[in-house]
Amino acid sequence: MRDRHRVVGAALAAGLLLTGCSGPRYGQAASPAASPPASPAVRDAALDQSAADIQRTVRSLSQVDDLPLYEMTFHGSYDREVSIGEEDLAGQADGWACSLFHLRGDRPLFGRNFDWDPNPAMVVHADPPDGYASVSMADLAYLLGGTGTPDLSDPGIRRRLAHAVLTPFDGVNEKGLAVGMAAVPGGGLPPKTEGRPTVSSVRIIRMMLDKAATVDEAVAIVRRHNVDFTSGPQVHYLLADAAGKSAVVEFADGRLNVIEDRILTNFTMTGTSDEQRRSDTRYGTLATGLPSAKNWRDGMDLLQRVAQGHTRWSVVYDLTDATARVVTARRWERVHTIALSQR
């Protein structure tokens, strides 16, 4: 049997021993202290890592820019279905607003603005032993319960940050499946189906990134679960794959609806016509601009056109090689190019 312990990843209480007394500078990974003493395992229901996994996760944590935007590679495995209790995470997130699209240009792309409070964010690399590798984005307020800059030298903060692997707000996997969510007016949820696992609105994104290669496979995963929105607003999802297929997944009129579209903003799409959808300013802007867009720069230009004053990050995912290009806080001249895996 492998020597594995359920622990709290990068948040291990030994974080200070591994990284010294201050967080890393921009773009600089945390460096371990010489010969840190062994630390006791900290039990966690969601994450499963060996001591070596913990150290590799901690060492990968770096600050990319002053949004602040962070980057982390999670090493080990995790339980996609277990809930994260309030004893682990006190924070909740609600009221998201966003613009998303699937661009079929020179190569398939997936664009997204995340519009919300001035919270720190994180790029998360994951390569689970039983799923596909992915790169995703997470709002850290969901984990930290506040909007301030996290102190990377604080072991309690590190304990929470490891859970970002389970809270993706958007992302792409190695097969070219991309997923993102946006807030939508609540109501019209179907009753829970007995016997199906119940997962949160962001945990279902992790499941799709880990286990689905196509839009159809991702939709099938949603159908096998009850999606719970009690920790935040009701959301709907845009899915896209490398073969060019896209769909909106939305709960309305008491059922799960799969709508053929490649644009998503913040209104209920079930039962609407193309004319009604285009009357939404951001949807209409994207619908007009998408036919002539060809590459990631065009995609980023579209995101700039529909950005709002509170846009926290803008990302264009390449569905061919799973590269993410990220802009924070509408600083369009500063594009972070992030590969599927950290080197």
Protein backbone atom coordinates (compact mmCIF):
# COMPACT_ATOMS: atom_id res chain seq x y z
CA MET A 1 0.00 0.00 0.00
CA ARG A 2 1.28 3.47 -0.86
CA ASP A 3 2.29 5.65 2.04
CA ARG A 4 -0.49 8.22 1.63
CA HIS A 5 -2.21 10.39 4.20
CA ARG A 6 -5.26 12.59 3.89
CA VAL A 7 -3.84 16.03 4.51
CA VAL A 8 -4.36 19.63 3.58
CA GLY A 9 -1.96 20.04 0.68
CA ALA A 10 -0.24 23.35 0.32
CA ALA A 11 -1.98 24.47 3.45
CA LEU A 12 -0.03 22.10 5.65
CA ALA A 13 0.87 23.65 8.97
CA ALA A 14 4.52 23.21 8.03
CA GLY A 15 4.19 25.82 5.28
CA LEU A 16 6.42 28.27 7.12
CA LEU A 17 9.14 25.67 7.42
CA LEU A 18 9.01 24.99 3.72
CA THR A 19 9.00 28.58 2.51
CA GLY A 20 10.72 30.75 5.09
CA CYS A 21 9.08 33.85 6.58
CA SER A 22 7.89 35.72 3.50
CA GLY A 23 5.89 34.96 0.37
CA PRO A 24 7.57 34.72 -3.04
CA ARG A 25 8.01 37.72 -5.30
CA TYR A 26 6.07 38.04 -8.53
CA GLY A 27 6.70 35.07 -10.80
CA GLN A 28 8.95 33.43 -8.22
CA ALA A 29 8.17 30.05 -6.69
CA ALA A 30 8.39 29.55 -2.96
CA SER A 31 11.75 28.04 -1.95
CA PRO A 32 12.11 25.39 0.73
CA ALA A 33 14.26 25.88 3.77
CA ALA A 34 17.15 23.45 4.18
CA SER A 35 16.24 20.10 5.75
CA PRO A 36 12.81 20.96 7.20
CA PRO A 37 11.80 18.69 10.05
CA ALA A 38 9.08 16.16 9.45
CA SER A 39 5.57 17.45 10.12
CA PRO A 40 2.53 15.58 11.39
CA ALA A 41 -0.22 14.85 8.90
CA VAL A 42 -3.24 17.14 8.97
CA ARG A 43 -6.44 15.29 8.15
CA ASP A 44 -8.68 16.65 5.40
CA ALA A 45 -11.75 15.07 3.86
CA ALA A 46 -11.13 16.39 0.36
CA LEU A 47 -7.40 16.17 -0.39
CA ASP A 48 -5.19 13.09 -0.48
CA GLN A 49 -1.45 13.76 -0.66
CA SER A 50 1.79 12.20 0.44
CA ALA A 51 4.39 14.30 2.21
CA ALA A 52 6.26 14.63 -1.10
CA ASP A 53 3.05 15.79 -2.83
CA ILE A 54 2.58 18.45 -0.18
CA GLN A 55 6.09 19.80 -0.58
CA ARG A 56 5.81 19.90 -4.39
CA THR A 57 2.49 21.75 -4.15
CA VAL A 58 3.87 24.28 -1.69
CA ARG A 59 6.97 24.88 -3.80
CA SER A 60 4.89 25.46 -6.92
CA LEU A 61 2.92 28.33 -5.38
CA SER A 62 3.97 31.66 -6.89
CA GLN A 63 2.61 35.15 -7.42
CA VAL A 64 2.15 36.04 -11.09
CA ASP A 65 1.08 39.67 -10.78
CA ASP A 66 -0.32 42.27 -8.42
CA LEU A 67 -4.05 41.65 -8.92
CA PRO A 68 -2.94 39.59 -7.02
CA LEU A 69 -2.96 36.54 -9.31
CA TYR A 70 -1.30 33.36 -8.08
CA GLU A 71 -0.36 30.09 -9.74
CA MET A 72 -0.19 26.62 -8.20
CA THR A 73 0.29 23.06 -9.39
CA PHE A 74 -1.60 20.61 -7.21
CA HIS A 75 0.16 17.27 -6.65
CA GLY A 76 -1.72 14.28 -5.31
CA SER A 77 -5.37 13.36 -5.61
CA TYR A 78 -8.68 14.61 -4.25
CA ASP A 79 -12.26 13.54 -3.65
CA ARG A 80 -14.48 15.28 -6.21
CA GLU A 81 -17.68 14.60 -4.28
CA VAL A 82 -16.88 15.26 -0.64
CA SER A 83 -18.01 18.57 0.81
CA ILE A 84 -15.54 21.09 2.21
CA GLY A 85 -16.82 21.95 5.68
CA GLU A 86 -16.94 25.33 7.35
CA GLU A 87 -14.19 24.14 9.66
CA ASP A 88 -11.94 24.20 6.60
CA LEU A 89 -13.34 27.13 4.67
CA ALA A 90 -15.37 29.97 6.11
CA GLY A 91 -15.81 31.94 2.88
CA GLN A 92 -18.60 31.84 0.35
CA ALA A 93 -18.95 33.53 -3.05
CA ASP A 94 -22.08 34.90 -4.64
CA GLY A 95 -23.35 37.35 -7.20
CA TRP A 96 -21.00 36.48 -10.05
CA ALA A 97 -21.43 38.17 -13.41
CA CYS A 98 -19.59 37.13 -16.56
CA SER A 99 -19.33 36.99 -20.36
CA LEU A 100 -18.25 33.79 -22.15
CA PHE A 101 -17.94 32.60 -25.73
CA HIS A 102 -16.70 29.76 -27.94
CA LEU A 103 -14.71 31.05 -30.91
CA ARG A 104 -14.34 28.82 -33.97
CA GLY A 105 -11.53 30.62 -35.81
CA ASP A 106 -8.11 29.47 -36.94
CA ARG A 107 -8.31 27.07 -33.98
CA PRO A 108 -11.05 26.59 -31.36
CA LEU A 109 -10.88 29.03 -28.44
CA PHE A 110 -12.92 29.72 -25.32
CA GLY A 111 -13.08 33.23 -23.87
CA ARG A 112 -14.31 34.45 -20.53
CA ASN A 113 -14.54 37.62 -18.40
CA PHE A 114 -15.05 37.04 -14.69
CA ASP A 115 -16.77 40.15 -13.32
CA TRP A 116 -17.05 40.41 -9.57
CA ASP A 117 -15.52 41.88 -6.41
CA PRO A 118 -11.82 42.86 -6.17
CA ASN A 119 -10.67 39.46 -4.98
CA PRO A 120 -7.34 37.72 -5.51
CA ALA A 121 -7.35 34.90 -8.05
CA MET A 122 -5.34 31.79 -8.80
CA VAL A 123 -4.34 29.75 -11.83
CA VAL A 124 -4.51 26.08 -10.86
CA HIS A 125 -2.76 23.22 -12.66
CA ALA A 126 -4.17 19.76 -11.95
CA ASP A 127 -3.23 16.32 -13.25
CA PRO A 128 -5.22 13.81 -11.21
CA PRO A 129 -4.14 10.16 -11.35
CA ASP A 130 -7.62 9.14 -12.52
CA GLY A 131 -8.49 12.02 -14.84
CA TYR A 132 -7.35 14.54 -17.43
CA ALA A 133 -4.81 17.29 -16.81
CA SER A 134 -6.27 20.80 -16.76
CA VAL A 135 -5.56 24.46 -16.12
CA SER A 136 -8.26 26.54 -14.46
CA MET A 137 -8.98 29.83 -12.69
CA ALA A 138 -10.37 30.30 -9.19
CA ASP A 139 -11.59 33.27 -7.14
CA LEU A 140 -9.74 32.96 -3.83
CA ALA A 141 -12.40 34.77 -1.82
CA TYR A 142 -14.37 31.54 -2.12
CA LEU A 143 -11.61 29.93 -0.05
CA LEU A 144 -10.30 32.78 2.10
CA GLY A 145 -13.53 34.57 2.98
CA GLY A 146 -12.06 38.00 2.28
CA THR A 147 -10.72 40.27 -0.44
CA GLY A 148 -7.31 41.13 1.01
CA THR A 149 -3.98 39.94 -0.33
CA PRO A 150 -3.28 36.54 1.22
CA ASP A 151 -0.11 36.12 3.25
CA LEU A 152 1.65 33.19 1.62
CA SER A 153 3.80 32.69 4.71
CA ASP A 154 0.71 31.98 6.84
CA PRO A 155 0.22 28.21 7.19
CA GLY A 156 -3.51 28.68 7.62
CA ILE A 157 -3.69 30.52 4.30
CA ARG A 158 -1.69 27.77 2.59
CA ARG A 159 -4.05 25.24 4.07
CA ARG A 160 -6.96 26.91 2.33
CA LEU A 161 -5.22 27.64 -0.96
CA ALA A 162 -4.69 23.95 -1.72
CA HIS A 163 -8.46 23.61 -2.03
CA ALA A 164 -8.45 25.89 -5.08
CA VAL A 165 -8.05 22.67 -7.09
CA LEU A 166 -11.65 21.86 -6.14
CA THR A 167 -13.15 25.30 -6.91
CA PRO A 168 -12.55 26.09 -10.60
CA PHE A 169 -14.67 28.90 -12.03
CA ASP A 170 -13.52 28.16 -15.58
CA GLY A 171 -10.87 26.00 -17.23
CA VAL A 172 -9.73 23.71 -20.04
CA ASN A 173 -8.40 20.17 -19.99
CA GLU A 174 -5.87 18.28 -22.10
CA LYS A 175 -8.62 16.91 -24.37
CA GLY A 176 -9.77 20.42 -25.30
CA LEU A 177 -12.94 20.55 -23.20
CA ALA A 178 -13.54 24.03 -21.75
CA VAL A 179 -16.10 24.96 -19.11
CA GLY A 180 -17.13 28.26 -17.54
CA MET A 181 -20.06 29.48 -15.49
CA ALA A 182 -22.04 32.71 -15.10
CA ALA A 183 -24.66 33.85 -12.63
CA VAL A 184 -28.27 33.59 -13.72
CA PRO A 185 -31.54 34.63 -12.01
CA GLY A 186 -32.56 31.93 -9.56
CA GLY A 187 -35.58 29.74 -9.76
CA GLY A 188 -36.91 26.87 -11.78
CA LEU A 189 -34.61 24.26 -10.27
CA PRO A 190 -35.63 20.62 -10.65
CA PRO A 191 -36.15 18.55 -7.50
CA LYS A 192 -33.17 16.54 -6.37
CA THR A 193 -33.08 13.02 -7.74
CA GLU A 194 -32.72 10.38 -5.04
CA GLY A 195 -29.59 8.31 -5.36
CA ARG A 196 -27.59 10.89 -7.27
CA PRO A 197 -24.55 12.53 -5.62
CA THR A 198 -25.05 16.20 -4.75
CA VAL A 199 -22.18 18.57 -5.60
CA SER A 200 -21.70 22.32 -5.61
CA SER A 201 -21.88 24.59 -8.64
CA VAL A 202 -18.09 24.80 -8.91
CA ARG A 203 -17.34 21.18 -7.98
CA ILE A 204 -19.29 20.01 -11.02
CA ILE A 205 -16.82 22.00 -13.16
CA ARG A 206 -13.94 20.06 -11.60
CA MET A 207 -15.72 16.81 -12.42
CA MET A 208 -16.22 17.82 -16.03
CA LEU A 209 -12.61 18.93 -16.47
CA ASP A 210 -11.31 15.73 -14.92
CA LYS A 211 -13.57 13.25 -16.66
CA ALA A 212 -15.00 14.65 -19.90
CA ALA A 213 -13.31 14.98 -23.30
CA THR A 214 -16.34 16.30 -25.18
CA VAL A 215 -19.41 18.44 -24.61
CA ASP A 216 -21.63 15.35 -24.70
CA GLU A 217 -19.55 13.62 -22.03
CA ALA A 218 -19.64 16.76 -19.86
CA VAL A 219 -23.42 17.03 -20.15
CA ALA A 220 -23.72 13.38 -19.14
CA ILE A 221 -21.72 14.11 -15.97
CA VAL A 222 -24.09 16.96 -15.04
CA ARG A 223 -27.08 14.69 -15.60
CA ARG A 224 -25.65 12.14 -13.15
CA HIS A 225 -25.49 14.68 -10.30
CA ASN A 226 -27.68 16.99 -8.30
CA VAL A 227 -26.09 20.45 -8.53
CA ASP A 228 -26.49 22.48 -5.35
CA PHE A 229 -26.47 26.29 -5.41
CA THR A 230 -26.95 27.04 -1.71
CA SER A 231 -23.36 28.31 -1.25
CA GLY A 232 -23.82 30.98 -3.92
CA PRO A 233 -26.11 32.18 -6.71
CA GLN A 234 -27.66 29.93 -9.28
CA VAL A 235 -25.36 29.65 -12.30
CA HIS A 236 -25.44 28.22 -15.81
CA TYR A 237 -22.54 26.85 -17.82
CA LEU A 238 -21.01 27.20 -21.26
CA LEU A 239 -19.26 24.05 -22.50
CA ALA A 240 -17.08 23.79 -25.61
CA ASP A 241 -14.78 21.16 -27.06
CA ALA A 242 -11.92 20.91 -29.53
CA ALA A 243 -14.19 19.38 -32.19
CA GLY A 244 -16.14 22.64 -32.39
CA LYS A 245 -19.25 21.74 -30.40
CA SER A 246 -20.61 24.06 -27.72
CA ALA A 247 -23.69 24.17 -25.50
CA VAL A 248 -25.25 26.03 -22.60
CA VAL A 249 -26.30 23.91 -19.63
CA GLU A 250 -28.98 25.62 -17.55
CA PHE A 251 -31.53 24.69 -14.90
CA ALA A 252 -34.90 26.32 -15.59
CA ASP A 253 -38.59 25.41 -15.77
CA GLY A 254 -37.95 22.59 -13.32
CA ARG A 255 -35.50 20.69 -15.50
CA LEU A 256 -31.97 20.63 -16.89
CA ASN A 257 -31.85 22.27 -20.33
CA VAL A 258 -29.10 21.86 -22.92
CA ILE A 259 -29.19 24.77 -25.38
CA GLU A 260 -27.15 24.95 -28.55
CA ASP A 261 -25.28 28.24 -28.34
CA ARG A 262 -21.73 29.53 -28.03
CA ILE A 263 -22.31 32.70 -25.97
CA LEU A 264 -23.25 33.05 -22.31
CA THR A 265 -23.93 36.09 -20.13
CA ASN A 266 -26.32 36.53 -17.19
CA PHE A 267 -29.89 36.00 -18.35
CA THR A 268 -31.97 32.83 -18.46
CA MET A 269 -31.69 31.43 -21.98
CA THR A 270 -34.31 28.67 -21.80
CA GLY A 271 -37.18 29.54 -24.14
CA THR A 272 -35.57 32.66 -25.62
CA SER A 273 -35.19 33.53 -29.29
CA ASP A 274 -32.02 34.74 -31.00
CA GLU A 275 -33.51 38.24 -31.16
CA GLN A 276 -34.24 38.23 -27.44
CA ARG A 277 -30.71 37.04 -26.65
CA ARG A 278 -29.12 39.72 -28.82
CA SER A 279 -31.07 42.39 -26.93
CA ASP A 280 -28.68 41.74 -24.03
CA THR A 281 -25.87 44.24 -24.67
CA ARG A 282 -22.94 41.93 -23.95
CA TYR A 283 -24.49 38.96 -25.72
CA GLY A 284 -25.25 41.13 -28.74
CA THR A 285 -21.72 42.53 -28.86
CA LEU A 286 -20.22 39.04 -28.79
CA ALA A 287 -22.68 37.68 -31.35
CA THR A 288 -21.76 40.50 -33.74
CA GLY A 289 -18.01 40.14 -33.24
CA LEU A 290 -17.53 36.38 -33.21
CA PRO A 291 -17.95 35.66 -36.96
CA SER A 292 -14.87 37.74 -37.87
CA ALA A 293 -12.70 36.66 -34.90
CA LYS A 294 -9.88 34.29 -35.86
CA ASN A 295 -7.27 34.02 -33.07
CA TRP A 296 -6.69 34.55 -29.38
CA ARG A 297 -5.91 38.24 -29.88
CA ASP A 298 -9.30 38.68 -31.52
CA GLY A 299 -10.81 36.77 -28.62
CA MET A 300 -9.13 39.06 -26.10
CA ASP A 301 -10.38 42.07 -28.08
CA LEU A 302 -13.93 40.74 -27.77
CA LEU A 303 -13.47 40.38 -24.02
CA GLN A 304 -12.22 43.96 -23.86
CA ARG A 305 -15.36 45.16 -25.66
CA VAL A 306 -17.65 43.53 -23.09
CA ALA A 307 -15.49 44.12 -20.01
CA GLN A 308 -17.00 45.93 -17.06
CA GLY A 309 -15.44 48.13 -14.40
CA HIS A 310 -15.34 45.15 -12.04
CA THR A 311 -13.84 42.60 -14.46
CA ARG A 312 -11.30 40.67 -12.40
CA TRP A 313 -9.81 38.41 -15.05
CA SER A 314 -10.15 37.83 -18.76
CA VAL A 315 -8.94 34.53 -20.14
CA VAL A 316 -8.77 32.95 -23.58
CA TYR A 317 -8.24 29.19 -23.53
CA ASP A 318 -6.82 27.42 -26.59
CA LEU A 319 -8.72 24.14 -26.98
CA THR A 320 -5.99 22.60 -29.13
CA ASP A 321 -3.04 22.83 -26.73
CA ALA A 322 -4.84 23.92 -23.52
CA THR A 323 -2.85 27.16 -23.24
CA ALA A 324 -4.46 29.90 -21.15
CA ARG A 325 -3.84 33.58 -21.86
CA VAL A 326 -4.87 35.68 -18.88
CA VAL A 327 -5.32 39.42 -18.33
CA THR A 328 -6.11 40.72 -14.83
CA ALA A 329 -8.14 43.82 -13.94
CA ARG A 330 -8.47 44.98 -17.61
CA ARG A 331 -4.73 45.53 -18.05
CA TRP A 332 -4.89 44.45 -21.68
CA GLU A 333 -1.27 45.22 -22.42
CA ARG A 334 -0.17 42.59 -19.88
CA VAL A 335 -1.02 39.07 -21.08
CA HIS A 336 0.15 36.07 -19.04
CA THR A 337 0.62 32.99 -21.24
CA ILE A 338 0.18 29.86 -19.17
CA ALA A 339 0.80 26.36 -20.46
CA LEU A 340 -1.20 23.32 -19.38
CA SER A 341 1.68 22.16 -17.18
CA GLN A 342 4.23 24.17 -15.22
CA ARG A 343 7.81 23.63 -16.31
